N, C-alpha and C. Protein backbone atom coordinates (compact mmCIF):
# COMPACT_ATOMS: atom_id res chain seq x y z
N UNK A 1 0.83 -1.19 0.00
CA UNK A 1 0.00 0.00 0.00
C UNK A 1 0.87 1.25 0.00
N UNK A 2 0.34 2.25 -0.59
CA UNK A 2 1.04 3.53 -0.66
C UNK A 2 0.87 4.31 0.63
N UNK A 3 1.93 4.98 1.04
CA UNK A 3 1.86 5.82 2.23
C UNK A 3 1.12 7.11 1.89
N UNK A 4 0.19 7.52 2.74
CA UNK A 4 -0.56 8.75 2.49
C UNK A 4 0.35 9.96 2.66
N UNK A 5 0.14 10.94 1.79
CA UNK A 5 0.91 12.17 1.86
C UNK A 5 0.18 13.13 2.78
N UNK A 6 0.83 13.54 3.85
CA UNK A 6 0.19 14.45 4.78
C UNK A 6 0.51 15.89 4.40
N UNK A 7 -0.52 16.73 4.42
CA UNK A 7 -0.36 18.14 4.07
C UNK A 7 -1.10 18.99 5.08
N UNK A 8 -0.54 20.15 5.39
CA UNK A 8 -1.14 21.05 6.37
C UNK A 8 -1.89 22.17 5.68
N UNK A 9 -2.84 22.77 6.40
CA UNK A 9 -3.68 23.83 5.87
C UNK A 9 -2.89 25.14 5.72
N UNK A 10 -3.26 25.97 4.74
CA UNK A 10 -2.69 27.30 4.48
C UNK A 10 -1.18 27.28 4.28
N UNK A 11 -0.71 26.34 3.49
CA UNK A 11 0.69 26.23 3.14
C UNK A 11 0.83 26.29 1.64
N UNK A 12 1.96 26.71 1.17
CA UNK A 12 2.23 26.63 -0.26
C UNK A 12 2.77 25.24 -0.56
N UNK A 13 2.19 24.60 -1.57
CA UNK A 13 2.64 23.28 -1.96
C UNK A 13 2.94 23.28 -3.45
N UNK A 14 3.82 22.39 -3.82
CA UNK A 14 4.18 22.22 -5.23
C UNK A 14 3.56 20.91 -5.70
N UNK A 15 2.78 20.99 -6.78
CA UNK A 15 2.10 19.82 -7.32
C UNK A 15 2.71 19.51 -8.69
N UNK A 16 3.08 18.24 -8.89
CA UNK A 16 3.67 17.79 -10.14
C UNK A 16 2.80 16.69 -10.72
N UNK A 17 2.42 16.81 -11.98
CA UNK A 17 1.64 15.76 -12.62
C UNK A 17 2.60 14.66 -13.06
N UNK A 18 2.37 13.43 -12.58
CA UNK A 18 3.28 12.33 -12.86
C UNK A 18 2.70 11.31 -13.83
N UNK A 19 1.38 11.28 -13.98
CA UNK A 19 0.74 10.32 -14.87
C UNK A 19 -0.22 11.03 -15.80
N UNK A 20 -0.51 10.39 -16.91
CA UNK A 20 -1.36 10.97 -17.94
C UNK A 20 -2.83 10.90 -17.55
N UNK A 21 -3.61 11.81 -18.13
CA UNK A 21 -5.06 11.82 -17.92
C UNK A 21 -5.78 11.01 -18.99
N UNK A 22 -5.04 10.45 -19.93
CA UNK A 22 -5.66 9.64 -20.99
C UNK A 22 -6.25 8.38 -20.36
N UNK A 23 -7.48 8.09 -20.71
CA UNK A 23 -8.15 6.90 -20.19
C UNK A 23 -8.82 7.11 -18.84
N UNK A 24 -8.72 8.30 -18.29
CA UNK A 24 -9.38 8.62 -17.02
C UNK A 24 -10.76 9.18 -17.32
N UNK A 25 -11.62 9.21 -16.31
CA UNK A 25 -12.95 9.74 -16.56
C UNK A 25 -12.91 11.27 -16.66
N UNK A 26 -13.99 11.84 -17.16
CA UNK A 26 -14.05 13.27 -17.45
C UNK A 26 -13.85 14.12 -16.21
N UNK A 27 -14.36 13.68 -15.09
CA UNK A 27 -14.26 14.47 -13.86
C UNK A 27 -12.81 14.59 -13.41
N UNK A 28 -12.04 13.50 -13.50
CA UNK A 28 -10.63 13.56 -13.11
C UNK A 28 -9.85 14.48 -14.03
N UNK A 29 -10.17 14.48 -15.32
CA UNK A 29 -9.51 15.39 -16.26
C UNK A 29 -9.82 16.84 -15.90
N UNK A 30 -11.07 17.11 -15.53
CA UNK A 30 -11.46 18.47 -15.15
C UNK A 30 -10.78 18.90 -13.85
N UNK A 31 -10.60 17.97 -12.93
CA UNK A 31 -9.90 18.29 -11.68
C UNK A 31 -8.45 18.66 -11.95
N UNK A 32 -7.79 17.94 -12.86
CA UNK A 32 -6.41 18.28 -13.21
C UNK A 32 -6.34 19.67 -13.84
N UNK A 33 -7.28 19.97 -14.72
CA UNK A 33 -7.30 21.30 -15.34
C UNK A 33 -7.56 22.39 -14.30
N UNK A 34 -8.42 22.09 -13.33
CA UNK A 34 -8.70 23.07 -12.28
C UNK A 34 -7.46 23.34 -11.43
N UNK A 35 -6.60 22.34 -11.28
CA UNK A 35 -5.34 22.52 -10.56
C UNK A 35 -4.29 23.21 -11.43
N UNK A 36 -4.57 23.35 -12.72
CA UNK A 36 -3.63 24.01 -13.62
C UNK A 36 -2.65 23.06 -14.26
N UNK A 37 -2.98 21.77 -14.28
CA UNK A 37 -2.09 20.76 -14.84
C UNK A 37 -2.73 20.15 -16.07
N UNK A 38 -1.97 20.04 -17.17
CA UNK A 38 -2.50 19.37 -18.34
C UNK A 38 -1.46 18.55 -19.10
N UNK A 39 -0.22 18.50 -18.63
CA UNK A 39 0.82 17.70 -19.25
C UNK A 39 1.63 17.00 -18.16
N UNK A 40 2.17 15.86 -18.50
CA UNK A 40 3.03 15.14 -17.55
C UNK A 40 4.28 15.97 -17.30
N UNK A 41 4.66 16.09 -16.04
CA UNK A 41 5.85 16.84 -15.67
C UNK A 41 5.59 18.31 -15.39
N UNK A 42 4.37 18.76 -15.64
CA UNK A 42 4.04 20.16 -15.38
C UNK A 42 3.88 20.38 -13.88
N UNK A 43 4.33 21.53 -13.39
CA UNK A 43 4.26 21.83 -11.96
C UNK A 43 3.48 23.11 -11.72
N UNK A 44 2.87 23.18 -10.55
CA UNK A 44 2.17 24.38 -10.10
C UNK A 44 2.43 24.54 -8.61
N UNK A 45 2.54 25.79 -8.18
CA UNK A 45 2.65 26.10 -6.76
C UNK A 45 1.34 26.72 -6.35
N UNK A 46 0.66 26.09 -5.40
CA UNK A 46 -0.66 26.52 -4.96
C UNK A 46 -0.69 26.70 -3.46
N UNK A 47 -1.57 27.60 -3.01
CA UNK A 47 -1.84 27.73 -1.58
C UNK A 47 -2.91 26.71 -1.23
N UNK A 48 -2.66 25.95 -0.20
CA UNK A 48 -3.58 24.88 0.18
C UNK A 48 -4.80 25.46 0.87
N UNK A 49 -5.97 25.12 0.35
CA UNK A 49 -7.23 25.50 0.95
C UNK A 49 -8.14 24.27 0.90
N UNK A 50 -9.34 24.41 1.41
CA UNK A 50 -10.25 23.27 1.40
C UNK A 50 -10.60 22.83 -0.02
N UNK A 51 -10.75 23.79 -0.92
CA UNK A 51 -11.10 23.43 -2.30
C UNK A 51 -9.95 22.72 -3.01
N UNK A 52 -8.73 23.22 -2.86
CA UNK A 52 -7.59 22.55 -3.50
C UNK A 52 -7.32 21.20 -2.85
N UNK A 53 -7.56 21.09 -1.55
CA UNK A 53 -7.38 19.81 -0.86
C UNK A 53 -8.33 18.76 -1.44
N UNK A 54 -9.58 19.16 -1.73
CA UNK A 54 -10.54 18.24 -2.32
C UNK A 54 -10.14 17.80 -3.72
N UNK A 55 -9.63 18.74 -4.52
CA UNK A 55 -9.18 18.40 -5.87
C UNK A 55 -7.99 17.44 -5.82
N UNK A 56 -7.07 17.70 -4.90
CA UNK A 56 -5.89 16.84 -4.76
C UNK A 56 -6.29 15.44 -4.35
N UNK A 57 -7.26 15.34 -3.47
CA UNK A 57 -7.72 14.03 -3.00
C UNK A 57 -8.29 13.19 -4.13
N UNK A 58 -8.97 13.84 -5.07
CA UNK A 58 -9.60 13.12 -6.18
C UNK A 58 -8.59 12.61 -7.21
N UNK A 59 -7.45 13.28 -7.36
CA UNK A 59 -6.47 12.89 -8.38
C UNK A 59 -5.10 12.59 -7.79
N UNK A 60 -5.04 12.18 -6.54
CA UNK A 60 -3.74 11.98 -5.89
C UNK A 60 -2.93 10.84 -6.51
N UNK A 61 -3.58 9.94 -7.26
CA UNK A 61 -2.86 8.86 -7.94
C UNK A 61 -2.19 9.35 -9.23
N UNK A 62 -2.48 10.57 -9.66
CA UNK A 62 -1.91 11.13 -10.89
C UNK A 62 -0.87 12.21 -10.62
N UNK A 63 -0.73 12.64 -9.36
CA UNK A 63 0.16 13.75 -9.04
C UNK A 63 1.10 13.39 -7.90
N UNK A 64 2.10 14.24 -7.73
CA UNK A 64 3.05 14.15 -6.62
C UNK A 64 3.02 15.49 -5.90
N UNK A 65 3.04 15.46 -4.57
CA UNK A 65 2.94 16.68 -3.77
C UNK A 65 4.24 16.88 -3.00
N UNK A 66 4.75 18.11 -3.05
CA UNK A 66 5.96 18.48 -2.29
C UNK A 66 5.66 19.73 -1.50
N UNK A 67 6.25 19.82 -0.30
CA UNK A 67 6.12 21.04 0.49
C UNK A 67 6.99 22.13 -0.11
N UNK A 68 6.50 23.33 -0.10
CA UNK A 68 7.23 24.49 -0.61
C UNK A 68 7.70 25.32 0.58
N UNK A 69 8.98 25.69 0.60
CA UNK A 69 9.50 26.46 1.73
C UNK A 69 9.51 27.92 1.43
């Protein structure tokens, strides 16, 4: 089993898309676009809020999360 990635509220995080959205359902593709990701290897720095936390939870198998200092 994969270890869960723990993230704290109101922090800047770096999100990297690691897997393709091809073959995924429409909602997961829309969640990736809402996070600002549409290509493998693309990164975004976002402030963590409840809405971004929900989006991350839905597509966590397609992305990698890193803490931003």
